[in-house]
Amino acid sequence: MQVPPKKSFVVQKVAFLVFLVILGLGLCEYVVRQFKLAPEIFSQVSHLRFVDNIKMVYEYLPGTVVDGCVLNKQGFKDSDFVLEKAKDVVRIAMLGDSVVEGVFAPCKRSFSDQLEVLLNRKAVEIQPRLRYEVMNFGVGGYNLGAELEVLKEKVLPYKPDIVVLNLTHDDNAPFPGGNRFFVENNYNLTEQQQIDLVRKYVENRNSFARWFEKKILLKSKLYLFLVTRMGPLPKDKAVLSRERSSEGDLSDMQCVSRGFLEIQKLEKRHGFKFLICIHPGLLFFESENNLKFASLAKSFQFDYFHMIDYYRKSGASPESLQLKDHPNDTNHPNEFGHALIADAMFVELKKHGMIDSRL
C-alpha cells in the first residue's frame, strides 16, 4: 500500500481547516443575520449617499425629491448650476446646513432664492445687464468641517465672487449627521459607536486593506457585529485618535478656529469676498456657541452679523417665524422667516461693500 507523500497530506489538512473556517464563518454570519444582531446601515438612503470623505460623510443624490422639490444636477435644492460664468454676473455662494437648504420651505422660496430675486430687481434699476446668481449649497446636518469641504470641492469651481457662511449653534460638532443611515432595530448603538461605524464607510484611505474592507467586509453582518461589539481594531484606534484630535470636539472651538484659518487662506488665494451670518434659534435665544462664533470671526477680521438682531428689529414674534406643520421645530424658519433673512443679507452685503452701493 502506497503512503501519500507528506506534502500532499499537509495540503489536504490545510484545505480541510480552511473549509472548517469558512463553514464556521458562514454559520456565524447566518446566526447574526437570523437574529438581527448587527446594526442595519446602508450606503444610500432615500436622497442621501455616503462619500469617501470623512469630513463630509454624505451628500444628496442629484435628481431626488426633497420637500417636494427636485434637487438639481449637483445635488442641491436649487436650479442647475452652470459652470461658466457670464461677464456681468455676480455669484454669491451660500454655505450652511438645513437652514440654508431651506428644509420644509416651498420650492424657490428659500432665502437664497428670495435674495436672488431681490438683488436682480434692484440691479435692473441701475444697470440692466448686471445679474446676480445666489447659489444654494446648503445640506442638512452638515457641520463647519463638511461645509468647508463643500467650499473646496463644489463651490470654488464656480468661481464665486462672494461666499456667505451660515452658522448655527451646532456647527462646531465633530461629525456630520451620519446616524441617518441607520435603521432602528433591536441592536442599539451609542452615538460614539455610530460615529465609529460610519467612519469605516467614508474613510478615504487608498490601500488594499481599505478596498477589501469597503468591498467585502462591510457587506458582512458578522463583521459589523464584531466591530460594534469589540470596538475598533488597534490600528483603527490610532487612526481615529488622530482624526479626533484634528477635528476638535463640542467643548471647544478649535475645529472652528482651524476652519476659519483655512477659509482665510482660500479667501486670499481665490479672491472671493467673505461674510458670516450667525443664525439663532427661533425662540430668539443666542446660544453660547453663537457668541463664540462671533468672537472668533472678529479675531479673524471676518465680516459677520447676528440674524437675531434683524428678527428683533422686524418686530416679528417667534411664533410668526415657525412652521405651522412643525410647531415644535425651533430651528427652521417658515417662508416669512426666509424673507427676513434675505432682506438682512441684502443689507449686510451692501453695508460691507460686497455689492453695488447703488442697489
Protein backbone atom coordinates (compact mmCIF):
# COMPACT_ATOMS: atom_id res chain seq x y z
CA MET A 1 0.00 0.00 0.00
CA GLN A 2 1.42 3.37 -1.09
CA VAL A 3 1.63 6.07 1.62
CA PRO A 4 0.63 9.55 0.41
CA PRO A 5 3.53 11.98 0.31
CA LYS A 6 3.90 14.10 3.44
CA LYS A 7 3.50 17.33 1.44
CA SER A 8 0.17 16.15 -0.03
CA PHE A 9 -1.10 15.26 3.45
CA VAL A 10 -0.25 18.74 4.76
CA VAL A 11 -2.06 20.36 1.83
CA GLN A 12 -5.15 18.26 2.50
CA LYS A 13 -5.05 19.16 6.19
CA VAL A 14 -4.74 22.88 5.45
CA ALA A 15 -7.56 22.71 2.91
CA PHE A 16 -9.77 20.95 5.46
CA LEU A 17 -9.01 23.62 8.09
CA VAL A 18 -9.80 26.38 5.59
CA PHE A 19 -13.08 24.64 4.81
CA LEU A 20 -13.93 24.49 8.52
CA VAL A 21 -13.10 28.18 9.00
CA ILE A 22 -15.26 29.17 6.01
CA LEU A 23 -18.07 26.94 7.24
CA GLY A 24 -17.82 28.41 10.73
CA LEU A 25 -17.82 31.98 9.45
CA GLY A 26 -20.78 31.20 7.23
CA LEU A 27 -22.68 29.74 10.17
CA CYS A 28 -21.87 32.78 12.32
CA GLU A 29 -22.98 35.07 9.50
CA TYR A 30 -26.29 33.18 9.29
CA VAL A 31 -26.88 33.42 13.05
CA VAL A 32 -26.13 37.17 13.14
CA ARG A 33 -28.48 37.80 10.21
CA GLN A 34 -31.21 35.46 11.51
CA PHE A 35 -31.34 37.05 14.95
CA LYS A 36 -30.60 40.59 13.71
CA LEU A 37 -27.63 41.05 16.00
CA ALA A 38 -25.84 43.55 13.77
CA PRO A 39 -26.90 47.14 13.09
CA GLU A 40 -28.70 47.92 9.87
CA ILE A 41 -26.78 50.53 7.89
CA PHE A 42 -26.95 51.41 4.21
CA SER A 43 -24.56 53.34 1.97
CA GLN A 44 -27.52 55.02 0.28
CA VAL A 45 -30.78 56.07 1.94
CA SER A 46 -33.56 57.96 0.19
CA HIS A 47 -31.88 61.12 -1.17
CA LEU A 48 -28.57 60.56 0.68
CA ARG A 49 -25.44 58.57 -0.09
CA PHE A 50 -22.08 58.07 1.58
CA VAL A 51 -18.99 59.68 0.05
CA ASP A 52 -15.34 58.75 0.54
CA ASN A 53 -14.66 61.86 2.59
CA ILE A 54 -14.53 61.51 6.36
CA LYS A 55 -15.21 65.23 6.86
CA MET A 56 -18.24 65.37 4.57
CA VAL A 57 -19.59 61.82 5.21
CA TYR A 58 -22.55 62.10 2.82
CA GLU A 59 -24.12 64.15 0.06
CA TYR A 60 -27.52 64.49 -1.58
CA LEU A 61 -28.38 62.46 -4.66
CA PRO A 62 -28.98 64.67 -7.72
CA GLY A 63 -32.49 64.45 -9.14
CA THR A 64 -34.13 63.08 -5.99
CA VAL A 65 -37.06 64.82 -4.33
CA VAL A 66 -36.73 66.69 -1.01
CA ASP A 67 -39.68 68.64 0.47
CA GLY A 68 -41.47 68.24 -2.85
CA CYS A 69 -38.58 69.85 -4.73
CA VAL A 70 -36.33 68.09 -7.23
CA LEU A 71 -32.66 68.51 -6.36
CA ASN A 72 -30.51 69.94 -9.13
CA LYS A 73 -27.83 68.07 -11.09
CA GLN A 74 -25.28 68.97 -8.45
CA GLY A 75 -27.42 67.60 -5.58
CA PHE A 76 -28.68 70.85 -4.04
CA LYS A 77 -32.10 72.43 -3.55
CA ASP A 78 -31.71 74.95 -6.35
CA SER A 79 -31.78 75.31 -10.11
CA ASP A 80 -29.00 73.60 -12.07
CA PHE A 81 -25.67 75.39 -11.73
CA VAL A 82 -23.80 76.43 -14.87
CA LEU A 83 -20.03 76.22 -14.58
CA GLU A 84 -19.17 79.05 -16.98
CA LYS A 85 -19.87 82.48 -15.53
CA ALA A 86 -21.01 85.33 -17.81
CA LYS A 87 -19.15 88.65 -17.70
CA ASP A 88 -21.89 90.69 -16.00
CA VAL A 89 -22.82 88.05 -13.41
CA VAL A 90 -22.03 88.32 -9.70
CA ARG A 91 -22.06 84.93 -8.00
CA ILE A 92 -22.92 84.52 -4.33
CA ALA A 93 -22.45 81.05 -2.80
CA MET A 94 -24.46 80.16 0.31
CA LEU A 95 -22.82 77.60 2.60
CA GLY A 96 -24.60 76.01 5.53
CA ASP A 97 -26.82 73.26 6.84
CA SER A 98 -30.58 72.68 6.71
CA VAL A 99 -31.39 76.36 7.39
CA VAL A 100 -29.62 77.30 4.15
CA GLU A 101 -31.02 74.30 2.33
CA GLY A 102 -34.47 75.55 3.26
CA VAL A 103 -35.90 72.49 4.99
CA PHE A 104 -39.71 72.49 4.69
CA ALA A 105 -39.60 75.73 2.68
CA PRO A 106 -41.53 75.73 -0.61
CA CYS A 107 -39.56 75.34 -3.83
CA LYS A 108 -37.84 78.57 -4.91
CA ARG A 109 -38.72 80.27 -1.60
CA SER A 110 -35.58 79.75 0.49
CA PHE A 111 -33.73 82.90 1.49
CA SER A 112 -31.15 82.21 -1.26
CA ASP A 113 -33.92 82.27 -3.88
CA GLN A 114 -35.57 85.35 -2.38
CA LEU A 115 -32.25 87.20 -2.14
CA GLU A 116 -31.52 86.50 -5.81
CA VAL A 117 -34.91 87.93 -6.82
CA LEU A 118 -34.36 90.99 -4.63
CA LEU A 119 -30.87 91.67 -5.98
CA ASN A 120 -31.87 91.32 -9.62
CA ARG A 121 -34.93 93.54 -9.14
CA LYS A 122 -32.68 96.26 -7.73
CA ALA A 123 -29.96 95.70 -10.34
CA VAL A 124 -32.31 96.34 -13.26
CA GLU A 125 -32.84 99.88 -11.99
CA ILE A 126 -29.14 100.81 -12.12
CA GLN A 127 -27.51 98.50 -14.66
CA PRO A 128 -29.78 96.39 -16.90
CA ARG A 129 -27.06 93.90 -17.85
CA LEU A 130 -25.95 93.20 -14.30
CA ARG A 131 -27.25 89.93 -12.89
CA TYR A 132 -26.83 88.16 -9.57
CA GLU A 133 -26.75 84.40 -9.04
CA VAL A 134 -27.28 83.20 -5.48
CA MET A 135 -26.29 79.54 -5.35
CA ASN A 136 -27.66 77.36 -2.54
CA PHE A 137 -25.05 74.84 -1.34
CA GLY A 138 -26.85 74.02 1.92
CA VAL A 139 -27.04 70.41 3.11
CA GLY A 140 -28.97 69.37 6.21
CA GLY A 141 -26.87 68.02 9.07
CA TYR A 142 -23.54 69.44 7.91
CA ASN A 143 -21.08 70.96 10.35
CA LEU A 144 -18.37 73.52 9.59
CA GLY A 145 -15.92 70.81 8.54
CA ALA A 146 -18.35 69.46 5.95
CA GLU A 147 -19.25 72.97 4.77
CA LEU A 148 -15.57 73.70 4.26
CA GLU A 149 -15.26 70.57 2.12
CA VAL A 150 -18.22 71.77 0.05
CA LEU A 151 -16.47 75.10 -0.42
CA LYS A 152 -13.27 73.46 -1.63
CA GLU A 153 -14.77 70.69 -3.76
CA LYS A 154 -18.07 72.07 -5.04
CA VAL A 155 -18.16 75.85 -4.72
CA LEU A 156 -14.76 77.10 -5.88
CA PRO A 157 -15.03 75.55 -9.38
CA TYR A 158 -17.89 78.03 -10.00
CA LYS A 159 -15.59 80.99 -9.16
CA PRO A 160 -17.89 82.76 -6.67
CA ASP A 161 -17.45 86.49 -6.11
CA ILE A 162 -18.94 86.25 -2.62
CA VAL A 163 -19.16 83.35 -0.16
CA VAL A 164 -21.59 83.54 2.76
CA LEU A 165 -21.07 81.04 5.57
CA ASN A 166 -24.24 80.48 7.60
CA LEU A 167 -23.50 79.18 11.08
CA THR A 168 -25.95 77.57 13.50
CA HIS A 169 -25.36 76.64 17.14
CA ASP A 170 -24.08 73.10 16.46
CA ASP A 171 -21.68 73.81 13.60
CA ASN A 172 -18.74 73.01 15.87
CA ALA A 173 -19.95 69.40 16.14
CA PRO A 174 -17.09 66.95 15.46
CA PHE A 175 -19.04 64.86 12.95
CA PRO A 176 -21.90 65.42 10.46
CA GLY A 177 -25.20 63.58 10.93
CA GLY A 178 -24.28 60.13 9.65
CA ASN A 179 -26.76 58.46 12.02
CA ARG A 180 -29.49 58.94 9.44
CA PHE A 181 -28.08 55.90 7.59
CA PHE A 182 -29.02 53.58 10.44
CA VAL A 183 -32.25 51.63 10.68
CA GLU A 184 -33.65 51.13 14.16
CA ASN A 185 -33.54 47.52 15.30
CA ASN A 186 -33.04 45.52 18.48
CA TYR A 187 -29.33 46.29 18.49
CA ASN A 188 -28.99 49.76 19.98
CA LEU A 189 -25.78 51.66 19.32
CA THR A 190 -24.36 54.52 21.30
CA GLU A 191 -23.67 57.75 19.46
CA GLN A 192 -19.94 57.04 19.51
CA GLN A 193 -20.48 53.52 18.13
CA GLN A 194 -22.49 55.00 15.28
CA ILE A 195 -19.75 57.52 14.53
CA ASP A 196 -17.03 54.84 14.62
CA LEU A 197 -19.00 52.62 12.27
CA VAL A 198 -19.84 55.42 9.82
CA ARG A 199 -16.15 56.29 9.67
CA LYS A 200 -15.47 52.84 8.27
CA TYR A 201 -17.81 53.58 5.36
CA VAL A 202 -16.41 57.00 4.49
CA GLU A 203 -12.71 56.84 5.32
CA ASN A 204 -10.74 57.71 2.18
CA ARG A 205 -7.53 55.72 2.73
CA ASN A 206 -6.12 54.46 -0.56
CA SER A 207 -4.91 50.96 0.22
CA PHE A 208 -5.75 47.33 -0.47
CA ALA A 209 -6.88 46.88 3.15
CA ARG A 210 -9.33 49.77 2.74
CA TRP A 211 -10.59 48.38 -0.59
CA PHE A 212 -11.10 44.91 0.96
CA GLU A 213 -12.93 46.36 3.95
CA LYS A 214 -15.21 48.50 1.81
CA LYS A 215 -15.97 45.94 -0.92
CA ILE A 216 -16.09 42.78 1.17
CA LEU A 217 -16.11 43.17 4.94
CA LEU A 218 -18.67 45.97 5.25
CA LYS A 219 -21.17 43.80 3.38
CA SER A 220 -20.92 41.19 6.14
CA LYS A 221 -23.28 41.37 9.11
CA LEU A 222 -20.80 39.32 11.13
CA TYR A 223 -18.13 41.97 10.56
CA LEU A 224 -20.50 44.77 11.63
CA PHE A 225 -21.41 42.74 14.71
CA LEU A 226 -17.75 42.27 15.65
CA VAL A 227 -16.88 45.90 15.01
CA THR A 228 -19.65 47.23 17.23
CA ARG A 229 -19.22 44.55 19.91
CA MET A 230 -15.46 44.51 20.18
CA GLY A 231 -14.70 48.12 19.21
CA PRO A 232 -12.16 49.34 16.63
CA LEU A 233 -9.03 47.34 15.96
CA PRO A 234 -5.82 48.76 17.46
CA LYS A 235 -4.77 50.24 14.12
CA ASP A 236 -8.17 51.85 13.69
CA LYS A 237 -7.97 53.34 17.20
CA ALA A 238 -4.79 55.16 16.24
CA VAL A 239 -6.41 56.49 13.07
CA LEU A 240 -9.49 57.62 14.99
CA SER A 241 -7.36 59.30 17.62
CA ARG A 242 -5.55 61.36 15.00
CA GLU A 243 -8.81 62.31 13.30
CA ARG A 244 -10.49 63.33 16.54
CA SER A 245 -7.52 65.43 17.61
CA SER A 246 -7.61 67.19 14.25
CA GLU A 247 -11.34 67.86 14.38
CA GLY A 248 -11.79 69.16 17.92
CA ASP A 249 -14.88 68.45 20.00
CA LEU A 250 -18.08 70.05 21.21
CA SER A 251 -16.48 71.55 24.30
CA ASP A 252 -14.17 73.94 22.47
CA MET A 253 -13.81 75.98 19.29
CA GLN A 254 -10.56 74.52 18.00
CA CYS A 255 -12.27 72.93 14.99
CA VAL A 256 -13.96 76.25 14.15
CA SER A 257 -10.72 78.16 14.51
CA ARG A 258 -8.93 75.75 12.16
CA GLY A 259 -11.81 76.01 9.71
CA PHE A 260 -11.68 79.81 9.78
CA LEU A 261 -7.93 79.72 9.19
CA GLU A 262 -8.39 77.55 6.11
CA ILE A 263 -11.17 79.79 4.81
CA GLN A 264 -8.91 82.80 5.29
CA LYS A 265 -6.27 81.15 3.11
CA LEU A 266 -8.82 80.24 0.44
CA GLU A 267 -10.21 83.78 0.51
CA LYS A 268 -6.77 85.22 -0.27
CA ARG A 269 -5.96 82.58 -2.87
CA HIS A 270 -9.22 82.75 -4.81
CA GLY A 271 -10.15 86.38 -4.23
CA PHE A 272 -13.76 85.99 -3.10
CA LYS A 273 -15.39 88.27 -0.53
CA PHE A 274 -16.47 86.53 2.65
CA LEU A 275 -19.36 87.12 5.05
CA ILE A 276 -20.66 85.14 8.04
CA CYS A 277 -24.29 85.05 9.12
CA ILE A 278 -24.91 83.59 12.59
CA HIS A 279 -28.41 82.11 12.86
CA PRO A 280 -30.17 81.83 16.24
CA GLY A 281 -32.94 79.51 17.29
CA LEU A 282 -36.41 80.84 16.50
CA LEU A 283 -37.08 81.50 20.18
CA PHE A 284 -34.70 84.47 19.89
CA PHE A 285 -32.11 82.96 22.20
CA GLU A 286 -28.48 83.34 21.17
CA SER A 287 -26.56 80.24 22.23
CA GLU A 288 -23.15 80.32 23.86
CA ASN A 289 -21.66 78.74 20.73
CA ASN A 290 -23.03 81.55 18.57
CA LEU A 291 -21.35 84.13 20.78
CA LYS A 292 -18.09 82.19 20.47
CA PHE A 293 -18.50 82.07 16.69
CA ALA A 294 -18.82 85.85 16.66
CA SER A 295 -15.75 86.29 18.85
CA LEU A 296 -13.68 84.07 16.56
CA ALA A 297 -14.98 85.80 13.43
CA LYS A 298 -13.93 89.12 14.93
CA SER A 299 -10.45 87.80 15.75
CA PHE A 300 -10.04 86.70 12.11
CA GLN A 301 -11.33 90.09 10.96
CA PHE A 302 -14.19 88.46 9.05
CA ASP A 303 -17.33 90.47 8.32
CA TYR A 304 -20.22 88.93 10.23
CA PHE A 305 -23.66 89.66 11.65
CA HIS A 306 -26.21 88.13 14.01
CA MET A 307 -29.53 87.30 12.37
CA ILE A 308 -31.19 87.59 15.78
CA ASP A 309 -30.75 91.38 15.58
CA TYR A 310 -32.83 91.52 12.42
CA TYR A 311 -35.52 89.25 13.84
CA ARG A 312 -35.88 91.60 16.78
CA LYS A 313 -35.83 94.77 14.65
CA SER A 314 -38.57 93.39 12.42
CA GLY A 315 -40.97 93.15 15.36
CA ALA A 316 -41.78 89.58 14.39
CA SER A 317 -42.72 87.18 17.15
CA PRO A 318 -41.08 83.75 17.40
CA GLU A 319 -44.42 82.14 16.57
CA SER A 320 -44.67 84.10 13.31
CA LEU A 321 -41.39 82.54 12.11
CA GLN A 322 -42.20 78.94 12.93
CA LEU A 323 -43.58 76.34 10.56
CA LYS A 324 -47.29 75.67 11.11
CA ASP A 325 -46.92 71.99 10.26
CA HIS A 326 -43.92 71.64 12.60
CA PRO A 327 -44.78 73.68 15.71
CA ASN A 328 -42.02 72.08 17.78
CA ASP A 329 -39.30 72.96 15.28
CA THR A 330 -37.38 75.94 16.67
CA ASN A 331 -34.55 75.88 14.13
CA HIS A 332 -36.06 76.12 10.65
CA PRO A 333 -37.91 79.31 9.70
CA ASN A 334 -41.01 79.42 7.53
CA GLU A 335 -41.26 81.34 4.25
CA PHE A 336 -41.73 84.63 6.11
CA GLY A 337 -38.58 83.92 8.14
CA HIS A 338 -36.65 83.22 4.95
CA ALA A 339 -37.83 86.56 3.58
CA LEU A 340 -36.45 88.33 6.65
CA ILE A 341 -33.11 86.55 6.21
CA ALA A 342 -32.99 87.56 2.54
CA ASP A 343 -33.62 91.20 3.48
CA ALA A 344 -30.93 91.06 6.18
CA MET A 345 -28.44 89.51 3.75
CA PHE A 346 -29.12 92.29 1.27
CA VAL A 347 -28.49 94.97 3.91
CA GLU A 348 -25.30 93.32 5.16
CA LEU A 349 -23.85 92.69 1.69
CA LYS A 350 -24.40 96.34 0.87
CA LYS A 351 -23.12 97.51 4.26
CA HIS A 352 -19.83 95.68 3.82
CA GLY A 353 -19.30 96.87 0.24
CA MET A 354 -19.75 93.44 -1.33
CA ILE A 355 -22.44 94.51 -3.80
CA ASP A 356 -23.07 97.75 -5.71
CA SER A 357 -23.78 100.52 -3.21
CA ARG A 358 -26.42 101.98 -5.56
CA LEU A 359 -28.72 98.99 -5.12
